C-alpha atoms as a PDB file:
ATOM      1  CA  UNK A   1     -60.743 -48.960  55.520  1.00  0.00           C
ATOM      2  CA  UNK A   2     -57.674 -47.716  53.441  1.00  0.00           C
ATOM      3  CA  UNK A   3     -58.283 -44.130  53.824  1.00  0.00           C
ATOM      4  CA  UNK A   4     -58.494 -44.189  57.701  1.00  0.00           C
ATOM      5  CA  UNK A   5     -61.931 -42.301  57.476  1.00  0.00           C
ATOM      6  CA  UNK A   6     -65.367 -42.714  55.864  1.00  0.00           C
ATOM      7  CA  UNK A   7     -65.778 -42.700  52.098  1.00  0.00           C
ATOM      8  CA  UNK A   8     -67.833 -39.713  52.735  1.00  0.00           C
ATOM      9  CA  UNK A   9     -65.134 -37.559  53.776  1.00  0.00           C
ATOM     10  CA  UNK A  10     -63.031 -38.775  50.705  1.00  0.00           C
ATOM     11  CA  UNK A  11     -65.533 -38.767  47.858  1.00  0.00           C
ATOM     12  CA  UNK A  12     -67.669 -36.547  46.465  1.00  0.00           C
ATOM     13  CA  UNK A  13     -69.064 -39.636  44.221  1.00  0.00           C
ATOM     14  CA  UNK A  14     -68.356 -43.058  44.110  1.00  0.00           C
ATOM     15  CA  UNK A  15     -70.145 -45.490  41.702  1.00  0.00           C
ATOM     16  CA  UNK A  16     -71.735 -48.553  43.171  1.00  0.00           C
ATOM     17  CA  UNK A  17     -71.333 -50.469  39.964  1.00  0.00           C
ATOM     18  CA  UNK A  18     -67.956 -51.385  38.926  1.00  0.00           C
ATOM     19  CA  UNK A  19     -66.327 -50.190  35.616  1.00  0.00           C
ATOM     20  CA  UNK A  20     -64.233 -53.476  35.411  1.00  0.00           C
ATOM     21  CA  UNK A  21     -63.540 -56.750  37.615  1.00  0.00           C
ATOM     22  CA  UNK A  22     -60.742 -59.347  37.691  1.00  0.00           C
ATOM     23  CA  UNK A  23     -60.076 -62.188  39.950  1.00  0.00           C
ATOM     24  CA  UNK A  24     -58.436 -60.031  42.862  1.00  0.00           C
ATOM     25  CA  UNK A  25     -60.485 -56.688  42.716  1.00  0.00           C
ATOM     26  CA  UNK A  26     -62.960 -54.543  41.048  1.00  0.00           C
ATOM     27  CA  UNK A  27     -62.466 -50.579  39.987  1.00  0.00           C
ATOM     28  CA  UNK A  28     -64.985 -48.057  40.566  1.00  0.00           C
ATOM     29  CA  UNK A  29     -65.267 -44.751  39.226  1.00  0.00           C
ATOM     30  CA  UNK A  30     -65.180 -41.874  41.860  1.00  0.00           C
ATOM     31  CA  UNK A  31     -64.761 -38.117  42.406  1.00  0.00           C
ATOM     32  CA  UNK A  32     -62.427 -36.765  45.399  1.00  0.00           C
ATOM     33  CA  UNK A  33     -63.722 -34.196  47.359  1.00  0.00           C
ATOM     34  CA  UNK A  34     -62.156 -30.838  46.936  1.00  0.00           C
ATOM     35  CA  UNK A  35     -61.481 -30.615  50.985  1.00  0.00           C
ATOM     36  CA  UNK A  36     -60.074 -34.031  51.007  1.00  0.00           C
ATOM     37  CA  UNK A  37     -57.624 -32.868  47.610  1.00  0.00           C
ATOM     38  CA  UNK A  38     -56.667 -29.880  49.714  1.00  0.00           C
ATOM     39  CA  UNK A  39     -55.620 -31.581  52.870  1.00  0.00           C
ATOM     40  CA  UNK A  40     -53.543 -33.942  50.819  1.00  0.00           C
ATOM     41  CA  UNK A  41     -51.867 -30.719  49.229  1.00  0.00           C
ATOM     42  CA  UNK A  42     -51.394 -29.446  52.833  1.00  0.00           C
ATOM     43  CA  UNK A  43     -49.828 -32.319  54.165  1.00  0.00           C
ATOM     44  CA  UNK A  44     -47.927 -33.381  51.234  1.00  0.00           C
ATOM     45  CA  UNK A  45     -46.238 -30.289  49.971  1.00  0.00           C
ATOM     46  CA  UNK A  46     -44.114 -32.329  47.575  1.00  0.00           C
ATOM     47  CA  UNK A  47     -47.111 -33.581  45.303  1.00  0.00           C
ATOM     48  CA  UNK A  48     -47.280 -31.609  42.018  1.00  0.00           C
ATOM     49  CA  UNK A  49     -50.571 -29.469  42.226  1.00  0.00           C
ATOM     50  CA  UNK A  50     -51.045 -30.281  38.519  1.00  0.00           C
ATOM     51  CA  UNK A  51     -51.080 -33.693  38.834  1.00  0.00           C
ATOM     52  CA  UNK A  52     -53.800 -33.996  41.413  1.00  0.00           C
ATOM     53  CA  UNK A  53     -57.056 -35.030  39.714  1.00  0.00           C
ATOM     54  CA  UNK A  54     -60.415 -35.327  41.443  1.00  0.00           C
ATOM     55  CA  UNK A  55     -61.676 -37.851  38.986  1.00  0.00           C
ATOM     56  CA  UNK A  56     -60.175 -41.322  40.106  1.00  0.00           C
ATOM     57  CA  UNK A  57     -60.235 -44.905  39.681  1.00  0.00           C
ATOM     58  CA  UNK A  58     -60.767 -46.850  42.954  1.00  0.00           C
ATOM     59  CA  UNK A  59     -59.333 -50.362  43.124  1.00  0.00           C
ATOM     60  CA  UNK A  60     -61.557 -52.566  45.534  1.00  0.00           C
ATOM     61  CA  UNK A  61     -60.260 -55.831  46.675  1.00  0.00           C
ATOM     62  CA  UNK A  62     -63.279 -58.671  46.509  1.00  0.00           C
ATOM     63  CA  UNK A  63     -64.086 -59.719  49.880  1.00  0.00           C
ATOM     64  CA  UNK A  64     -61.976 -62.758  51.250  1.00  0.00           C
ATOM     65  CA  UNK A  65     -59.551 -62.457  48.407  1.00  0.00           C
ATOM     66  CA  UNK A  66     -56.626 -62.069  50.532  1.00  0.00           C
ATOM     67  CA  UNK A  67     -57.149 -65.273  52.677  1.00  0.00           C
ATOM     68  CA  UNK A  68     -58.120 -67.489  49.901  1.00  0.00           C
ATOM     69  CA  UNK A  69     -54.995 -66.187  48.160  1.00  0.00           C
ATOM     70  CA  UNK A  70     -52.830 -67.522  50.511  1.00  0.00           C
ATOM     71  CA  UNK A  71     -54.839 -70.869  51.376  1.00  0.00           C
ATOM     72  CA  UNK A  72     -54.559 -71.340  47.129  1.00  0.00           C
ATOM     73  CA  UNK A  73     -51.112 -71.123  47.219  1.00  0.00           C
ATOM     74  CA  UNK A  74     -50.693 -73.582  50.093  1.00  0.00           C
ATOM     75  CA  UNK A  75     -52.888 -75.898  48.557  1.00  0.00           C
ATOM     76  CA  UNK A  76     -50.998 -75.842  45.104  1.00  0.00           C
ATOM     77  CA  UNK A  77     -47.617 -76.221  46.480  1.00  0.00           C
ATOM     78  CA  UNK A  78     -49.198 -79.012  48.927  1.00  0.00           C
ATOM     79  CA  UNK A  79     -50.553 -80.783  46.139  1.00  0.00           C
ATOM     80  CA  UNK A  80     -47.441 -80.528  44.057  1.00  0.00           C
ATOM     81  CA  UNK A  81     -45.254 -82.071  46.729  1.00  0.00           C
ATOM     82  CA  UNK A  82     -47.812 -84.674  47.416  1.00  0.00           C
ATOM     83  CA  UNK A  83     -47.919 -85.803  43.769  1.00  0.00           C
ATOM     84  CA  UNK A  84     -44.223 -85.768  43.563  1.00  0.00           C
ATOM     85  CA  UNK A  85     -44.034 -88.362  46.446  1.00  0.00           C
ATOM     86  CA  UNK A  86     -47.020 -90.384  45.269  1.00  0.00           C
ATOM     87  CA  UNK A  87     -45.789 -90.936  41.532  1.00  0.00           C
ATOM     88  CA  UNK A  88     -42.025 -90.592  42.341  1.00  0.00           C
ATOM     89  CA  UNK A  89     -41.813 -88.240  39.338  1.00  0.00           C
ATOM     90  CA  UNK A  90     -40.211 -84.510  40.200  1.00  0.00           C
ATOM     91  CA  UNK A  91     -42.497 -81.707  38.895  1.00  0.00           C
ATOM     92  CA  UNK A  92     -41.187 -78.385  37.833  1.00  0.00           C
ATOM     93  CA  UNK A  93     -43.106 -75.484  38.660  1.00  0.00           C
ATOM     94  CA  UNK A  94     -42.120 -72.122  36.451  1.00  0.00           C
ATOM     95  CA  UNK A  95     -41.752 -70.350  40.093  1.00  0.00           C
ATOM     96  CA  UNK A  96     -41.223 -71.706  43.564  1.00  0.00           C
ATOM     97  CA  UNK A  97     -43.386 -70.808  46.592  1.00  0.00           C
ATOM     98  CA  UNK A  98     -41.436 -67.932  47.473  1.00  0.00           C
ATOM     99  CA  UNK A  99     -41.749 -66.481  43.987  1.00  0.00           C
ATOM    100  CA  UNK A 100     -45.274 -66.900  44.168  1.00  0.00           C
ATOM    101  CA  UNK A 101     -45.894 -65.371  47.597  1.00  0.00           C
ATOM    102  CA  UNK A 102     -44.084 -62.320  46.179  1.00  0.00           C
ATOM    103  CA  UNK A 103     -46.362 -62.153  42.967  1.00  0.00           C
ATOM    104  CA  UNK A 104     -49.452 -62.506  45.406  1.00  0.00           C
ATOM    105  CA  UNK A 105     -47.924 -59.704  47.371  1.00  0.00           C
ATOM    106  CA  UNK A 106     -47.622 -57.385  44.998  1.00  0.00           C
ATOM    107  CA  UNK A 107     -50.994 -58.113  43.556  1.00  0.00           C
ATOM    108  CA  UNK A 108     -52.839 -57.859  47.010  1.00  0.00           C
ATOM    109  CA  UNK A 109     -50.774 -54.549  47.824  1.00  0.00           C
ATOM    110  CA  UNK A 110     -53.141 -51.957  46.844  1.00  0.00           C
END
């Protein structure tokens, strides 16, 4: 989806099995088509031709991770607020909800 066209237009080869995986995404090896690289160079003349490599790592989000991340954040902060009300104790988090949202946005912005 991120490329706005079919993967076959972008990649000459894209490995099905990931080389790495984490909680948010997994990484696959790929090789860009020469025609795709040429199109990028034509559209973005400021790109350094020597820096464009055809062998790439492709980071792919796990299905549903974006939606579940925001639900998880709401649950975490909702539980903390409820525990504070029930116990009468103030819970100190190392970050506030805005900080959590900013960190999640950075993680999910591929």
